Amino acid sequence: MENMFRERRTTFSDMKNYHLTISGFTLIEMLLSIAALSIIAGIGVPVYQSLQVRNDLDIAATTVAHDARRAQLLAQASDGDSPWGVSVSTAQIILFKGASYASRDSTFDELSSIPTTITSSGFTEIVFNKYTGLPQTTGTITLTSIAGNLRTITINAKGTITY
């Protein structure tokens, strides 16, 4: 019974049979992984920024067209017995009640914001006649992004808004 509890000593010949397995990453593997992630991020960030600017421009064009259509519908419905219009500036779009932006009733203003990376050119005010909904002026509004992308919103004599 004494042999059962004896301590067994490990000899060199016993050690040859043990395989030492160490798992982990080497320094070179870590550096290659970091370099690959850096390259992917370096390519991805400019692409993301470009898509963001283009998306901002599309949203701004859609918002201008939507607000112009809303003003046209309010004018056709003779809401408030007044013409309705839209004023487009660099930072915002204002849907207003009145014959012009300068003589509007500001209590009915509805504001929509435009990103500061978007600038507008062309005519800046569209007023629609009550009952008919026809525009008093026709033409185009051009929205430009800082990347040089353009979106054009056109209003014709019949009041059709295209973008």
C-alpha atoms as a PDB file:
ATOM      1  CA  MET A   1       0.000   0.000   0.000  1.00  0.00           C
ATOM      2  CA  GLU A   2       2.928   2.207   0.577  1.00  0.00           C
ATOM      3  CA  ASN A   3       3.872   2.095  -3.096  1.00  0.00           C
ATOM      4  CA  MET A   4       0.608   3.681  -4.061  1.00  0.00           C
ATOM      5  CA  PHE A   5       1.344   6.933  -2.329  1.00  0.00           C
ATOM      6  CA  ARG A   6       4.920   7.278  -3.359  1.00  0.00           C
ATOM      7  CA  GLU A   7       5.931  10.279  -5.230  1.00  0.00           C
ATOM      8  CA  ARG A   8       6.966   9.609  -8.750  1.00  0.00           C
ATOM      9  CA  ARG A   9       9.904  11.561 -10.021  1.00  0.00           C
ATOM     10  CA  THR A  10       9.958  12.839 -13.572  1.00  0.00           C
ATOM     11  CA  THR A  11      13.024  11.945 -15.543  1.00  0.00           C
ATOM     12  CA  PHE A  12      14.400  13.454 -18.757  1.00  0.00           C
ATOM     13  CA  SER A  13      13.113  10.548 -20.784  1.00  0.00           C
ATOM     14  CA  ASP A  14       9.589  11.271 -19.520  1.00  0.00           C
ATOM     15  CA  MET A  15       9.920  14.939 -20.535  1.00  0.00           C
ATOM     16  CA  LYS A  16      10.571  14.046 -24.179  1.00  0.00           C
ATOM     17  CA  ASN A  17       7.034  12.759 -24.476  1.00  0.00           C
ATOM     18  CA  TYR A  18       5.415  16.026 -23.353  1.00  0.00           C
ATOM     19  CA  HIS A  19       4.727  18.561 -26.067  1.00  0.00           C
ATOM     20  CA  LEU A  20       4.615  22.080 -24.854  1.00  0.00           C
ATOM     21  CA  THR A  21       1.904  24.052 -26.695  1.00  0.00           C
ATOM     22  CA  ILE A  22       1.805  27.838 -26.320  1.00  0.00           C
ATOM     23  CA  SER A  23      -0.969  29.715 -28.077  1.00  0.00           C
ATOM     24  CA  GLY A  24      -0.990  33.441 -28.856  1.00  0.00           C
ATOM     25  CA  PHE A  25       0.031  35.999 -31.449  1.00  0.00           C
ATOM     26  CA  THR A  26       3.498  37.019 -32.438  1.00  0.00           C
ATOM     27  CA  LEU A  27       4.544  40.635 -32.715  1.00  0.00           C
ATOM     28  CA  ILE A  28       4.653  40.421 -36.509  1.00  0.00           C
ATOM     29  CA  GLU A  29       1.095  39.078 -36.661  1.00  0.00           C
ATOM     30  CA  MET A  30      -0.112  41.937 -34.470  1.00  0.00           C
ATOM     31  CA  LEU A  31       1.695  44.552 -36.590  1.00  0.00           C
ATOM     32  CA  LEU A  32       0.283  43.105 -39.817  1.00  0.00           C
ATOM     33  CA  SER A  33      -3.222  43.138 -38.357  1.00  0.00           C
ATOM     34  CA  ILE A  34      -2.887  46.771 -37.252  1.00  0.00           C
ATOM     35  CA  ALA A  35      -1.474  47.741 -40.656  1.00  0.00           C
ATOM     36  CA  ALA A  36      -4.367  46.039 -42.482  1.00  0.00           C
ATOM     37  CA  LEU A  37      -6.949  47.769 -40.276  1.00  0.00           C
ATOM     38  CA  SER A  38      -5.222  51.125 -40.806  1.00  0.00           C
ATOM     39  CA  ILE A  39      -5.333  50.699 -44.584  1.00  0.00           C
ATOM     40  CA  ILE A  40      -9.023  49.749 -44.501  1.00  0.00           C
ATOM     41  CA  ALA A  41      -9.834  52.751 -42.269  1.00  0.00           C
ATOM     42  CA  GLY A  42      -7.753  55.048 -44.480  1.00  0.00           C
ATOM     43  CA  ILE A  43      -9.800  54.037 -47.506  1.00  0.00           C
ATOM     44  CA  GLY A  44     -13.146  53.865 -45.696  1.00  0.00           C
ATOM     45  CA  VAL A  45     -13.232  57.273 -44.013  1.00  0.00           C
ATOM     46  CA  PRO A  46     -13.005  59.395 -47.207  1.00  0.00           C
ATOM     47  CA  VAL A  47     -15.578  57.191 -48.919  1.00  0.00           C
ATOM     48  CA  TYR A  48     -17.933  57.598 -45.957  1.00  0.00           C
ATOM     49  CA  GLN A  49     -17.463  61.378 -45.947  1.00  0.00           C
ATOM     50  CA  SER A  50     -18.184  61.551 -49.678  1.00  0.00           C
ATOM     51  CA  LEU A  51     -21.362  59.535 -49.243  1.00  0.00           C
ATOM     52  CA  GLN A  52     -22.424  61.719 -46.307  1.00  0.00           C
ATOM     53  CA  VAL A  53     -22.042  64.938 -48.336  1.00  0.00           C
ATOM     54  CA  ARG A  54     -23.974  63.436 -51.240  1.00  0.00           C
ATOM     55  CA  ASN A  55     -26.715  62.239 -48.877  1.00  0.00           C
ATOM     56  CA  ASP A  56     -26.966  65.719 -47.299  1.00  0.00           C
ATOM     57  CA  LEU A  57     -27.390  67.215 -50.772  1.00  0.00           C
ATOM     58  CA  ASP A  58     -30.115  64.717 -51.715  1.00  0.00           C
ATOM     59  CA  ILE A  59     -31.985  65.376 -48.464  1.00  0.00           C
ATOM     60  CA  ALA A  60     -31.738  69.151 -48.960  1.00  0.00           C
ATOM     61  CA  ALA A  61     -33.105  68.885 -52.526  1.00  0.00           C
ATOM     62  CA  THR A  62     -35.954  66.664 -51.375  1.00  0.00           C
ATOM     63  CA  THR A  63     -36.770  69.054 -48.523  1.00  0.00           C
ATOM     64  CA  VAL A  64     -36.885  72.093 -50.846  1.00  0.00           C
ATOM     65  CA  ALA A  65     -39.160  70.236 -53.278  1.00  0.00           C
ATOM     66  CA  HIS A  66     -41.370  68.955 -50.449  1.00  0.00           C
ATOM     67  CA  ASP A  67     -41.761  72.403 -48.888  1.00  0.00           C
ATOM     68  CA  ALA A  68     -42.514  73.934 -52.295  1.00  0.00           C
ATOM     69  CA  ARG A  69     -45.224  71.325 -52.920  1.00  0.00           C
ATOM     70  CA  ARG A  70     -46.645  71.931 -49.449  1.00  0.00           C
ATOM     71  CA  ALA A  71     -46.773  75.697 -50.097  1.00  0.00           C
ATOM     72  CA  GLN A  72     -48.484  75.039 -53.415  1.00  0.00           C
ATOM     73  CA  LEU A  73     -51.111  72.814 -51.776  1.00  0.00           C
ATOM     74  CA  LEU A  74     -51.743  75.333 -48.989  1.00  0.00           C
ATOM     75  CA  ALA A  75     -52.193  78.077 -51.621  1.00  0.00           C
ATOM     76  CA  GLN A  76     -54.605  75.912 -53.638  1.00  0.00           C
ATOM     77  CA  ALA A  77     -56.588  75.155 -50.485  1.00  0.00           C
ATOM     78  CA  SER A  78     -56.651  78.914 -49.752  1.00  0.00           C
ATOM     79  CA  ASP A  79     -55.501  78.166 -46.237  1.00  0.00           C
ATOM     80  CA  GLY A  80     -55.747  81.500 -44.438  1.00  0.00           C
ATOM     81  CA  ASP A  81     -57.114  83.132 -47.618  1.00  0.00           C
ATOM     82  CA  SER A  82     -53.579  83.953 -48.673  1.00  0.00           C
ATOM     83  CA  PRO A  83     -50.857  82.867 -51.083  1.00  0.00           C
ATOM     84  CA  TRP A  84     -48.099  80.657 -49.672  1.00  0.00           C
ATOM     85  CA  GLY A  85     -44.437  80.508 -50.521  1.00  0.00           C
ATOM     86  CA  VAL A  86     -41.008  79.125 -49.771  1.00  0.00           C
ATOM     87  CA  SER A  87     -37.799  81.030 -49.105  1.00  0.00           C
ATOM     88  CA  VAL A  88     -34.496  79.162 -49.504  1.00  0.00           C
ATOM     89  CA  SER A  89     -31.387  80.486 -47.787  1.00  0.00           C
ATOM     90  CA  THR A  90     -28.022  78.972 -46.964  1.00  0.00           C
ATOM     91  CA  ALA A  91     -28.953  77.505 -43.589  1.00  0.00           C
ATOM     92  CA  GLN A  92     -32.712  76.990 -43.793  1.00  0.00           C
ATOM     93  CA  ILE A  93     -35.885  76.716 -45.810  1.00  0.00           C
ATOM     94  CA  ILE A  94     -38.875  78.745 -44.630  1.00  0.00           C
ATOM     95  CA  LEU A  95     -42.424  77.917 -45.663  1.00  0.00           C
ATOM     96  CA  PHE A  96     -44.369  81.159 -45.228  1.00  0.00           C
ATOM     97  CA  LYS A  97     -47.861  82.602 -45.548  1.00  0.00           C
ATOM     98  CA  GLY A  98     -48.075  85.816 -47.551  1.00  0.00           C
ATOM     99  CA  ALA A  99     -47.541  87.474 -50.899  1.00  0.00           C
ATOM    100  CA  SER A 100     -43.778  87.668 -50.318  1.00  0.00           C
ATOM    101  CA  TYR A 101     -41.207  86.693 -47.738  1.00  0.00           C
ATOM    102  CA  ALA A 102     -40.795  90.322 -46.665  1.00  0.00           C
ATOM    103  CA  SER A 103     -44.542  90.819 -46.061  1.00  0.00           C
ATOM    104  CA  ARG A 104     -45.262  87.365 -44.610  1.00  0.00           C
ATOM    105  CA  ASP A 105     -47.161  86.524 -41.438  1.00  0.00           C
ATOM    106  CA  SER A 106     -44.284  85.044 -39.429  1.00  0.00           C
ATOM    107  CA  THR A 107     -46.600  83.253 -36.985  1.00  0.00           C
ATOM    108  CA  PHE A 108     -47.269  80.658 -39.729  1.00  0.00           C
ATOM    109  CA  ASP A 109     -43.594  80.079 -40.635  1.00  0.00           C
ATOM    110  CA  GLU A 110     -42.428  76.483 -40.865  1.00  0.00           C
ATOM    111  CA  LEU A 111     -38.652  76.070 -40.723  1.00  0.00           C
ATOM    112  CA  SER A 112     -36.559  73.282 -42.203  1.00  0.00           C
ATOM    113  CA  SER A 113     -32.800  73.251 -41.821  1.00  0.00           C
ATOM    114  CA  ILE A 114     -30.189  72.682 -44.519  1.00  0.00           C
ATOM    115  CA  PRO A 115     -26.678  71.496 -43.608  1.00  0.00           C
ATOM    116  CA  THR A 116     -24.116  74.284 -43.692  1.00  0.00           C
ATOM    117  CA  THR A 117     -22.156  72.290 -46.282  1.00  0.00           C
ATOM    118  CA  ILE A 118     -24.901  73.064 -48.835  1.00  0.00           C
ATOM    119  CA  THR A 119     -25.260  76.437 -50.566  1.00  0.00           C
ATOM    120  CA  SER A 120     -28.173  77.582 -52.706  1.00  0.00           C
ATOM    121  CA  SER A 121     -28.204  79.751 -55.814  1.00  0.00           C
ATOM    122  CA  GLY A 122     -30.766  80.794 -58.369  1.00  0.00           C
ATOM    123  CA  PHE A 123     -33.991  82.344 -57.217  1.00  0.00           C
ATOM    124  CA  THR A 124     -34.546  82.096 -53.483  1.00  0.00           C
ATOM    125  CA  GLU A 125     -38.268  82.736 -53.156  1.00  0.00           C
ATOM    126  CA  ILE A 126     -41.219  80.873 -54.645  1.00  0.00           C
ATOM    127  CA  VAL A 127     -44.748  82.203 -54.067  1.00  0.00           C
ATOM    128  CA  PHE A 128     -47.838  80.285 -55.211  1.00  0.00           C
ATOM    129  CA  ASN A 129     -51.107  82.085 -56.031  1.00  0.00           C
ATOM    130  CA  LYS A 130     -54.129  81.176 -53.947  1.00  0.00           C
ATOM    131  CA  TYR A 131     -56.790  78.955 -55.564  1.00  0.00           C
ATOM    132  CA  THR A 132     -54.726  78.077 -58.675  1.00  0.00           C
ATOM    133  CA  GLY A 133     -51.445  77.155 -56.998  1.00  0.00           C
ATOM    134  CA  LEU A 134     -49.538  78.575 -59.967  1.00  0.00           C
ATOM    135  CA  PRO A 135     -46.138  80.077 -59.156  1.00  0.00           C
ATOM    136  CA  GLN A 136     -45.615  83.827 -59.468  1.00  0.00           C
ATOM    137  CA  THR A 137     -42.050  83.174 -60.686  1.00  0.00           C
ATOM    138  CA  THR A 138     -40.530  80.223 -62.508  1.00  0.00           C
ATOM    139  CA  GLY A 139     -36.957  79.059 -62.692  1.00  0.00           C
ATOM    140  CA  THR A 140     -34.463  76.915 -60.892  1.00  0.00           C
ATOM    141  CA  ILE A 141     -32.870  76.637 -57.493  1.00  0.00           C
ATOM    142  CA  THR A 142     -29.434  75.049 -57.537  1.00  0.00           C
ATOM    143  CA  LEU A 143     -28.036  73.405 -54.425  1.00  0.00           C
ATOM    144  CA  THR A 144     -24.279  72.853 -54.323  1.00  0.00           C
ATOM    145  CA  SER A 145     -22.285  70.758 -51.858  1.00  0.00           C
ATOM    146  CA  ILE A 146     -18.754  71.500 -50.694  1.00  0.00           C
ATOM    147  CA  ALA A 147     -17.596  68.616 -52.898  1.00  0.00           C
ATOM    148  CA  GLY A 148     -19.033  70.374 -55.966  1.00  0.00           C
ATOM    149  CA  ASN A 149     -22.057  68.116 -56.454  1.00  0.00           C
ATOM    150  CA  LEU A 150     -25.183  69.865 -57.795  1.00  0.00           C
ATOM    151  CA  ARG A 151     -28.917  69.288 -57.488  1.00  0.00           C
ATOM    152  CA  THR A 152     -31.320  71.464 -59.437  1.00  0.00           C
ATOM    153  CA  ILE A 153     -34.954  72.042 -58.485  1.00  0.00           C
ATOM    154  CA  THR A 154     -37.037  73.440 -61.366  1.00  0.00           C
ATOM    155  CA  ILE A 155     -40.460  75.080 -61.119  1.00  0.00           C
ATOM    156  CA  ASN A 156     -42.262  75.638 -64.422  1.00  0.00           C
ATOM    157  CA  ALA A 157     -45.205  77.925 -65.283  1.00  0.00           C
ATOM    158  CA  LYS A 158     -47.749  75.183 -64.535  1.00  0.00           C
ATOM    159  CA  GLY A 159     -46.352  74.731 -61.035  1.00  0.00           C
ATOM    160  CA  THR A 160     -44.628  71.395 -61.685  1.00  0.00           C
ATOM    161  CA  ILE A 161     -41.682  70.894 -59.379  1.00  0.00           C
ATOM    162  CA  THR A 162     -38.914  68.601 -60.617  1.00  0.00           C
ATOM    163  CA  TYR A 163     -35.589  67.744 -59.064  1.00  0.00           C
END
